[in-house]
């Protein structure tokens, strides 16, 4: 069963991708840029929306944190670490 955070991340990633990939078809361990063609701008849009929907303050993440998020699993784990913390 997917966590709520993973569902939020999948939905928001599918929304910004140029390709027509359903949220449930996204492989959490594939590189978002190499496999799905995620652009830098779309990564920012994706992370902003995912943070909003997960209740995580985007300022929790540094530039290196964001750069290290190359897979959906990376994003889900990062969001999960900060979910529920007061901003």
PDB file of N, CA and C in Angstrom:
ATOM      1  N   UNK A   1       0.847  -1.192   0.000  1.00  0.00           N
ATOM      2  CA  UNK A   1       0.000   0.000   0.000  1.00  0.00           C
ATOM      3  C   UNK A   1       0.889   1.251   0.000  1.00  0.00           C
ATOM      4  N   UNK A   2       0.549   2.185  -0.846  1.00  0.00           N
ATOM      5  CA  UNK A   2       1.324   3.417  -0.937  1.00  0.00           C
ATOM      6  C   UNK A   2       1.007   4.320   0.250  1.00  0.00           C
ATOM      7  N   UNK A   3       2.033   5.010   0.692  1.00  0.00           N
ATOM      8  CA  UNK A   3       1.803   5.997   1.738  1.00  0.00           C
ATOM      9  C   UNK A   3       1.125   7.213   1.119  1.00  0.00           C
ATOM     10  N   UNK A   4       0.518   8.008   1.958  1.00  0.00           N
ATOM     11  CA  UNK A   4      -0.128   9.245   1.489  1.00  0.00           C
ATOM     12  C   UNK A   4       0.901  10.168   0.846  1.00  0.00           C
ATOM     13  N   UNK A   5       2.091  10.218   1.445  1.00  0.00           N
ATOM     14  CA  UNK A   5       3.165  11.060   0.899  1.00  0.00           C
ATOM     15  C   UNK A   5       3.556  10.585  -0.494  1.00  0.00           C
ATOM     16  N   UNK A   6       3.680   9.276  -0.683  1.00  0.00           N
ATOM     17  CA  UNK A   6       4.049   8.750  -2.002  1.00  0.00           C
ATOM     18  C   UNK A   6       2.960   9.054  -3.024  1.00  0.00           C
ATOM     19  N   UNK A   7       1.712   8.937  -2.626  1.00  0.00           N
ATOM     20  CA  UNK A   7       0.604   9.244  -3.529  1.00  0.00           C
ATOM     21  C   UNK A   7       0.648  10.711  -3.949  1.00  0.00           C
ATOM     22  N   UNK A   8       0.898  11.589  -2.987  1.00  0.00           N
ATOM     23  CA  UNK A   8       1.023  13.029  -3.273  1.00  0.00           C
ATOM     24  C   UNK A   8       2.168  13.268  -4.260  1.00  0.00           C
ATOM     25  N   UNK A   9       3.314  12.640  -4.006  1.00  0.00           N
ATOM     26  CA  UNK A   9       4.479  12.827  -4.871  1.00  0.00           C
ATOM     27  C   UNK A   9       4.205  12.292  -6.280  1.00  0.00           C
ATOM     28  N   UNK A  10       3.629  11.105  -6.381  1.00  0.00           N
ATOM     29  CA  UNK A  10       3.314  10.517  -7.693  1.00  0.00           C
ATOM     30  C   UNK A  10       2.368  11.413  -8.496  1.00  0.00           C
ATOM     31  N   UNK A  11       1.323  11.874  -7.830  1.00  0.00           N
ATOM     32  CA  UNK A  11       0.319  12.701  -8.502  1.00  0.00           C
ATOM     33  C   UNK A  11       0.935  13.993  -9.025  1.00  0.00           C
ATOM     34  N   UNK A  12       1.731  14.637  -8.187  1.00  0.00           N
ATOM     35  CA  UNK A  12       2.342  15.906  -8.599  1.00  0.00           C
ATOM     36  C   UNK A  12       3.411  15.712  -9.670  1.00  0.00           C
ATOM     37  N   UNK A  13       4.157  14.618  -9.606  1.00  0.00           N
ATOM     38  CA  UNK A  13       5.152  14.360 -10.641  1.00  0.00           C
ATOM     39  C   UNK A  13       4.460  14.104 -11.978  1.00  0.00           C
ATOM     40  N   UNK A  14       3.440  13.278 -11.992  1.00  0.00           N
ATOM     41  CA  UNK A  14       2.717  12.980 -13.237  1.00  0.00           C
ATOM     42  C   UNK A  14       2.133  14.257 -13.840  1.00  0.00           C
ATOM     43  N   UNK A  15       1.727  15.181 -12.998  1.00  0.00           N
ATOM     44  CA  UNK A  15       1.106  16.432 -13.458  1.00  0.00           C
ATOM     45  C   UNK A  15       2.095  17.312 -14.236  1.00  0.00           C
ATOM     46  N   UNK A  16       3.384  17.286 -13.867  1.00  0.00           N
ATOM     47  CA  UNK A  16       4.349  18.179 -14.524  1.00  0.00           C
ATOM     48  C   UNK A  16       5.143  17.527 -15.654  1.00  0.00           C
ATOM     49  N   UNK A  17       5.031  16.216 -15.801  1.00  0.00           N
ATOM     50  CA  UNK A  17       5.799  15.541 -16.849  1.00  0.00           C
ATOM     51  C   UNK A  17       5.253  15.859 -18.233  1.00  0.00           C
ATOM     52  N   UNK A  18       6.167  15.976 -19.188  1.00  0.00           N
ATOM     53  CA  UNK A  18       5.787  16.216 -20.580  1.00  0.00           C
ATOM     54  C   UNK A  18       5.113  14.982 -21.171  1.00  0.00           C
ATOM     55  N   UNK A  19       5.579  13.800 -20.754  1.00  0.00           N
ATOM     56  CA  UNK A  19       4.997  12.557 -21.250  1.00  0.00           C
ATOM     57  C   UNK A  19       3.705  12.267 -20.496  1.00  0.00           C
ATOM     58  N   UNK A  20       2.897  11.434 -21.077  1.00  0.00           N
ATOM     59  CA  UNK A  20       1.600  11.116 -20.502  1.00  0.00           C
ATOM     60  C   UNK A  20       1.716   9.844 -19.671  1.00  0.00           C
ATOM     61  N   UNK A  21       2.280   9.967 -18.465  1.00  0.00           N
ATOM     62  CA  UNK A  21       2.489   8.823 -17.578  1.00  0.00           C
ATOM     63  C   UNK A  21       1.496   8.925 -16.424  1.00  0.00           C
ATOM     64  N   UNK A  22       0.784   7.830 -16.178  1.00  0.00           N
ATOM     65  CA  UNK A  22      -0.155   7.796 -15.056  1.00  0.00           C
ATOM     66  C   UNK A  22       0.632   7.707 -13.745  1.00  0.00           C
ATOM     67  N   UNK A  23       0.119   8.349 -12.687  1.00  0.00           N
ATOM     68  CA  UNK A  23       0.841   8.333 -11.410  1.00  0.00           C
ATOM     69  C   UNK A  23       1.219   6.919 -10.946  1.00  0.00           C
ATOM     70  N   UNK A  24       0.321   5.969 -11.096  1.00  0.00           N
ATOM     71  CA  UNK A  24       0.594   4.606 -10.626  1.00  0.00           C
ATOM     72  C   UNK A  24       1.623   3.879 -11.486  1.00  0.00           C
ATOM     73  N   UNK A  25       1.916   4.402 -12.676  1.00  0.00           N
ATOM     74  CA  UNK A  25       2.886   3.770 -13.569  1.00  0.00           C
ATOM     75  C   UNK A  25       4.310   4.295 -13.388  1.00  0.00           C
ATOM     76  N   UNK A  26       4.488   5.290 -12.533  1.00  0.00           N
ATOM     77  CA  UNK A  26       5.822   5.846 -12.311  1.00  0.00           C
ATOM     78  C   UNK A  26       6.617   4.894 -11.425  1.00  0.00           C
ATOM     79  N   UNK A  27       7.787   4.509 -11.899  1.00  0.00           N
ATOM     80  CA  UNK A  27       8.674   3.634 -11.129  1.00  0.00           C
ATOM     81  C   UNK A  27       9.416   4.500 -10.111  1.00  0.00           C
ATOM     82  N   UNK A  28       9.258   4.230  -8.819  1.00  0.00           N
ATOM     83  CA  UNK A  28       9.856   5.093  -7.793  1.00  0.00           C
ATOM     84  C   UNK A  28      11.377   5.087  -7.772  1.00  0.00           C
ATOM     85  N   UNK A  29      12.000   4.112  -8.445  1.00  0.00           N
ATOM     86  CA  UNK A  29      13.455   4.014  -8.412  1.00  0.00           C
ATOM     87  C   UNK A  29      14.126   4.470  -9.707  1.00  0.00           C
ATOM     88  N   UNK A  30      13.349   4.939 -10.663  1.00  0.00           N
ATOM     89  CA  UNK A  30      13.916   5.423 -11.922  1.00  0.00           C
ATOM     90  C   UNK A  30      14.298   6.896 -11.789  1.00  0.00           C
ATOM     91  N   UNK A  31      15.351   7.281 -12.484  1.00  0.00           N
ATOM     92  CA  UNK A  31      15.787   8.676 -12.505  1.00  0.00           C
ATOM     93  C   UNK A  31      14.703   9.530 -13.165  1.00  0.00           C
ATOM     94  N   UNK A  32      14.267  10.567 -12.468  1.00  0.00           N
ATOM     95  CA  UNK A  32      13.163  11.390 -12.993  1.00  0.00           C
ATOM     96  C   UNK A  32      13.562  12.155 -14.240  1.00  0.00           C
ATOM     97  N   UNK A  33      14.821  12.530 -14.353  1.00  0.00           N
ATOM     98  CA  UNK A  33      15.289  13.262 -15.535  1.00  0.00           C
ATOM     99  C   UNK A  33      15.516  12.304 -16.696  1.00  0.00           C
ATOM    100  N   UNK A  34      16.312  11.279 -16.466  1.00  0.00           N
ATOM    101  CA  UNK A  34      16.680  10.347 -17.524  1.00  0.00           C
ATOM    102  C   UNK A  34      15.518   9.526 -18.051  1.00  0.00           C
ATOM    103  N   UNK A  35      14.673   9.046 -17.167  1.00  0.00           N
ATOM    104  CA  UNK A  35      13.571   8.176 -17.568  1.00  0.00           C
ATOM    105  C   UNK A  35      12.335   8.951 -17.990  1.00  0.00           C
ATOM    106  N   UNK A  36      11.995   9.987 -17.247  1.00  0.00           N
ATOM    107  CA  UNK A  36      10.733  10.695 -17.477  1.00  0.00           C
ATOM    108  C   UNK A  36      10.896  12.081 -18.087  1.00  0.00           C
ATOM    109  N   UNK A  37      12.137  12.516 -18.297  1.00  0.00           N
ATOM    110  CA  UNK A  37      12.374  13.800 -18.952  1.00  0.00           C
ATOM    111  C   UNK A  37      12.037  15.017 -18.105  1.00  0.00           C
ATOM    112  N   UNK A  38      12.113  14.882 -16.788  1.00  0.00           N
ATOM    113  CA  UNK A  38      11.805  16.005 -15.904  1.00  0.00           C
ATOM    114  C   UNK A  38      12.828  17.121 -16.104  1.00  0.00           C
ATOM    115  N   UNK A  39      12.353  18.325 -16.386  1.00  0.00           N
ATOM    116  CA  UNK A  39      13.240  19.471 -16.562  1.00  0.00           C
ATOM    117  C   UNK A  39      13.487  20.140 -15.207  1.00  0.00           C
ATOM    118  N   UNK A  40      14.493  21.003 -15.161  1.00  0.00           N
ATOM    119  CA  UNK A  40      14.801  21.718 -13.916  1.00  0.00           C
ATOM    120  C   UNK A  40      13.612  22.541 -13.442  1.00  0.00           C
ATOM    121  N   UNK A  41      12.982  23.249 -14.359  1.00  0.00           N
ATOM    122  CA  UNK A  41      11.824  24.064 -13.994  1.00  0.00           C
ATOM    123  C   UNK A  41      10.693  23.183 -13.484  1.00  0.00           C
ATOM    124  N   UNK A  42      10.428  22.080 -14.176  1.00  0.00           N
ATOM    125  CA  UNK A  42       9.348  21.196 -13.746  1.00  0.00           C
ATOM    126  C   UNK A  42       9.665  20.514 -12.425  1.00  0.00           C
ATOM    127  N   UNK A  43      10.953  20.294 -12.143  1.00  0.00           N
ATOM    128  CA  UNK A  43      11.326  19.723 -10.843  1.00  0.00           C
ATOM    129  C   UNK A  43      10.963  20.690  -9.729  1.00  0.00           C
ATOM    130  N   UNK A  44      11.240  21.969  -9.947  1.00  0.00           N
ATOM    131  CA  UNK A  44      10.900  22.981  -8.948  1.00  0.00           C
ATOM    132  C   UNK A  44       9.384  23.047  -8.760  1.00  0.00           C
ATOM    133  N   UNK A  45       8.645  23.067  -9.871  1.00  0.00           N
ATOM    134  CA  UNK A  45       7.177  23.112  -9.792  1.00  0.00           C
ATOM    135  C   UNK A  45       6.634  21.873  -9.078  1.00  0.00           C
ATOM    136  N   UNK A  46       7.191  20.715  -9.420  1.00  0.00           N
ATOM    137  CA  UNK A  46       6.799  19.461  -8.795  1.00  0.00           C
ATOM    138  C   UNK A  46       7.047  19.498  -7.291  1.00  0.00           C
ATOM    139  N   UNK A  47       8.244  19.910  -6.887  1.00  0.00           N
ATOM    140  CA  UNK A  47       8.573  19.937  -5.470  1.00  0.00           C
ATOM    141  C   UNK A  47       7.735  20.953  -4.700  1.00  0.00           C
ATOM    142  N   UNK A  48       7.476  22.099  -5.300  1.00  0.00           N
ATOM    143  CA  UNK A  48       6.637  23.105  -4.645  1.00  0.00           C
ATOM    144  C   UNK A  48       5.234  22.548  -4.391  1.00  0.00           C
ATOM    145  N   UNK A  49       4.645  21.930  -5.411  1.00  0.00           N
ATOM    146  CA  UNK A  49       3.293  21.376  -5.279  1.00  0.00           C
ATOM    147  C   UNK A  49       3.269  20.204  -4.298  1.00  0.00           C
ATOM    148  N   UNK A  50       4.264  19.327  -4.384  1.00  0.00           N
ATOM    149  CA  UNK A  50       4.319  18.173  -3.482  1.00  0.00           C
ATOM    150  C   UNK A  50       4.482  18.630  -2.031  1.00  0.00           C
ATOM    151  N   UNK A  51       5.326  19.619  -1.807  1.00  0.00           N
ATOM    152  CA  UNK A  51       5.501  20.154  -0.453  1.00  0.00           C
ATOM    153  C   UNK A  51       4.195  20.756   0.058  1.00  0.00           C
ATOM    154  N   UNK A  52       3.538  21.548  -0.775  1.00  0.00           N
ATOM    155  CA  UNK A  52       2.260  22.145  -0.374  1.00  0.00           C
ATOM    156  C   UNK A  52       1.254  21.067   0.012  1.00  0.00           C
ATOM    157  N   UNK A  53       1.116  20.061  -0.841  1.00  0.00           N
ATOM    158  CA  UNK A  53       0.126  19.008  -0.609  1.00  0.00           C
ATOM    159  C   UNK A  53       0.481  18.126   0.582  1.00  0.00           C
ATOM    160  N   UNK A  54       1.772  17.975   0.867  1.00  0.00           N
ATOM    161  CA  UNK A  54       2.214  17.131   1.979  1.00  0.00           C
ATOM    162  C   UNK A  54       2.343  17.914   3.286  1.00  0.00           C
ATOM    163  N   UNK A  55       2.162  19.232   3.213  1.00  0.00           N
ATOM    164  CA  UNK A  55       2.288  20.052   4.413  1.00  0.00           C
ATOM    165  C   UNK A  55       3.720  20.206   4.885  1.00  0.00           C
ATOM    166  N   UNK A  56       4.647  20.212   3.930  1.00  0.00           N
ATOM    167  CA  UNK A  56       6.067  20.349   4.246  1.00  0.00           C
ATOM    168  C   UNK A  56       6.547  21.691   3.720  1.00  0.00           C
ATOM    169  N   UNK A  57       7.253  22.434   4.554  1.00  0.00           N
ATOM    170  CA  UNK A  57       7.793  23.728   4.137  1.00  0.00           C
ATOM    171  C   UNK A  57       8.980  23.489   3.195  1.00  0.00           C
ATOM    172  N   UNK A  58       8.895  24.038   1.999  1.00  0.00           N
ATOM    173  CA  UNK A  58       9.966  23.866   1.011  1.00  0.00           C
ATOM    174  C   UNK A  58      11.313  24.336   1.550  1.00  0.00           C
ATOM    175  N   UNK A  59      11.301  25.293   2.475  1.00  0.00           N
ATOM    176  CA  UNK A  59      12.552  25.806   3.030  1.00  0.00           C
ATOM    177  C   UNK A  59      13.280  24.767   3.894  1.00  0.00           C
ATOM    178  N   UNK A  60      12.650  23.627   4.151  1.00  0.00           N
ATOM    179  CA  UNK A  60      13.329  22.531   4.879  1.00  0.00           C
ATOM    180  C   UNK A  60      14.472  21.960   4.057  1.00  0.00           C
ATOM    181  N   UNK A  61      14.439  22.189   2.747  1.00  0.00           N
ATOM    182  CA  UNK A  61      15.407  21.577   1.852  1.00  0.00           C
ATOM    183  C   UNK A  61      16.414  22.599   1.332  1.00  0.00           C
ATOM    184  N   UNK A  62      17.687  22.218   1.399  1.00  0.00           N
ATOM    185  CA  UNK A  62      18.749  23.048   0.844  1.00  0.00           C
ATOM    186  C   UNK A  62      18.904  22.734  -0.639  1.00  0.00           C
ATOM    187  N   UNK A  63      19.685  23.533  -1.326  1.00  0.00           N
ATOM    188  CA  UNK A  63      19.948  23.270  -2.745  1.00  0.00           C
ATOM    189  C   UNK A  63      20.570  21.883  -2.944  1.00  0.00           C
ATOM    190  N   UNK A  64      21.548  21.480  -2.114  1.00  0.00           N
ATOM    191  CA  UNK A  64      22.081  20.116  -2.259  1.00  0.00           C
ATOM    192  C   UNK A  64      21.032  19.028  -1.993  1.00  0.00           C
ATOM    193  N   UNK A  65      20.111  19.285  -1.043  1.00  0.00           N
ATOM    194  CA  UNK A  65      19.030  18.321  -0.796  1.00  0.00           C
ATOM    195  C   UNK A  65      18.206  18.114  -2.059  1.00  0.00           C
ATOM    196  N   UNK A  66      17.829  19.213  -2.692  1.00  0.00           N
ATOM    197  CA  UNK A  66      17.005  19.153  -3.902  1.00  0.00           C
ATOM    198  C   UNK A  66      17.780  18.476  -5.033  1.00  0.00           C
ATOM    199  N   UNK A  67      19.051  18.803  -5.167  1.00  0.00           N
ATOM    200  CA  UNK A  67      19.875  18.202  -6.218  1.00  0.00           C
ATOM    201  C   UNK A  67      19.990  16.692  -6.027  1.00  0.00           C
ATOM    202  N   UNK A  68      19.983  16.236  -4.787  1.00  0.00           N
ATOM    203  CA  UNK A  68      20.108  14.805  -4.501  1.00  0.00           C
ATOM    204  C   UNK A  68      18.822  14.026  -4.763  1.00  0.00           C
ATOM    205  N   UNK A  69      17.722  14.720  -4.941  1.00  0.00           N
ATOM    206  CA  UNK A  69      16.436  14.053  -5.197  1.00  0.00           C
ATOM    207  C   UNK A  69      16.335  13.697  -6.675  1.00  0.00           C
ATOM    208  N   UNK A  70      16.821  12.512  -7.021  1.00  0.00           N
ATOM    209  CA  UNK A  70      16.809  12.132  -8.431  1.00  0.00           C
ATOM    210  C   UNK A  70      15.721  11.119  -8.771  1.00  0.00           C
ATOM    211  N   UNK A  71      15.169  10.459  -7.761  1.00  0.00           N
ATOM    212  CA  UNK A  71      14.092   9.494  -8.002  1.00  0.00           C
ATOM    213  C   UNK A  71      12.865   9.886  -7.184  1.00  0.00           C
ATOM    214  N   UNK A  72      11.744   9.316  -7.555  1.00  0.00           N
ATOM    215  CA  UNK A  72      10.521   9.558  -6.784  1.00  0.00           C
ATOM    216  C   UNK A  72      10.698   9.065  -5.346  1.00  0.00           C
ATOM    217  N   UNK A  73      11.408   7.961  -5.174  1.00  0.00           N
ATOM    218  CA  UNK A  73      11.651   7.443  -3.826  1.00  0.00           C
ATOM    219  C   UNK A  73      12.458   8.459  -3.005  1.00  0.00           C
ATOM    220  N   UNK A  74      13.449   9.101  -3.618  1.00  0.00           N
ATOM    221  CA  UNK A  74      14.218  10.138  -2.914  1.00  0.00           C
ATOM    222  C   UNK A  74      13.300  11.245  -2.411  1.00  0.00           C
ATOM    223  N   UNK A  75      12.397  11.687  -3.270  1.00  0.00           N
ATOM    224  CA  UNK A  75      11.472  12.768  -2.915  1.00  0.00           C
ATOM    225  C   UNK A  75      10.533  12.314  -1.803  1.00  0.00           C
ATOM    226  N   UNK A  76       9.978  11.118  -1.955  1.00  0.00           N
ATOM    227  CA  UNK A  76       9.048  10.587  -0.953  1.00  0.00           C
ATOM    228  C   UNK A  76       9.716  10.473   0.415  1.00  0.00           C
ATOM    229  N   UNK A  77      10.944   9.960   0.444  1.00  0.00           N
ATOM    230  CA  UNK A  77      11.661   9.825   1.715  1.00  0.00           C
ATOM    231  C   UNK A  77      11.969  11.179   2.326  1.00  0.00           C
ATOM    232  N   UNK A  78      12.362  12.142   1.496  1.00  0.00           N
ATOM    233  CA  UNK A  78      12.661  13.487   2.007  1.00  0.00           C
ATOM    234  C   UNK A  78      11.401  14.146   2.569  1.00  0.00           C
ATOM    235  N   UNK A  79      10.298  14.039   1.846  1.00  0.00           N
ATOM    236  CA  UNK A  79       9.051  14.625   2.330  1.00  0.00           C
ATOM    237  C   UNK A  79       8.604  13.941   3.618  1.00  0.00           C
ATOM    238  N   UNK A  80       8.747  12.632   3.673  1.00  0.00           N
ATOM    239  CA  UNK A  80       8.327  11.875   4.857  1.00  0.00           C
ATOM    240  C   UNK A  80       9.100  12.288   6.107  1.00  0.00           C
ATOM    241  N   UNK A  81      10.373  12.599   5.933  1.00  0.00           N
ATOM    242  CA  UNK A  81      11.196  13.023   7.083  1.00  0.00           C
ATOM    243  C   UNK A  81      10.691  14.345   7.685  1.00  0.00           C
ATOM    244  N   UNK A  82      10.092  15.183   6.856  1.00  0.00           N
ATOM    245  CA  UNK A  82       9.685  16.512   7.319  1.00  0.00           C
ATOM    246  C   UNK A  82       8.180  16.662   7.517  1.00  0.00           C
ATOM    247  N   UNK A  83       7.396  15.693   7.104  1.00  0.00           N
ATOM    248  CA  UNK A  83       5.939  15.781   7.232  1.00  0.00           C
ATOM    249  C   UNK A  83       5.551  15.839   8.714  1.00  0.00           C
ATOM    250  N   UNK A  84       4.635  16.720   9.000  1.00  0.00           N
ATOM    251  CA  UNK A  84       4.131  16.822  10.366  1.00  0.00           C
ATOM    252  C   UNK A  84       4.945  17.734  11.277  1.00  0.00           C
ATOM    253  N   UNK A  85       6.083  18.234  10.787  1.00  0.00           N
ATOM    254  CA  UNK A  85       6.884  19.147  11.598  1.00  0.00           C
ATOM    255  C   UNK A  85       6.351  20.565  11.411  1.00  0.00           C
ATOM    256  N   UNK A  86       6.340  21.325  12.457  1.00  0.00           N
ATOM    257  CA  UNK A  86       5.890  22.721  12.367  1.00  0.00           C
ATOM    258  C   UNK A  86       6.861  23.523  11.534  1.00  0.00           C
ATOM    259  N   UNK A  87       6.314  24.384  10.692  1.00  0.00           N
ATOM    260  CA  UNK A  87       7.163  25.217   9.829  1.00  0.00           C
ATOM    261  C   UNK A  87       7.719  26.378  10.604  1.00  0.00           C
TER     262      UNK A  87
END
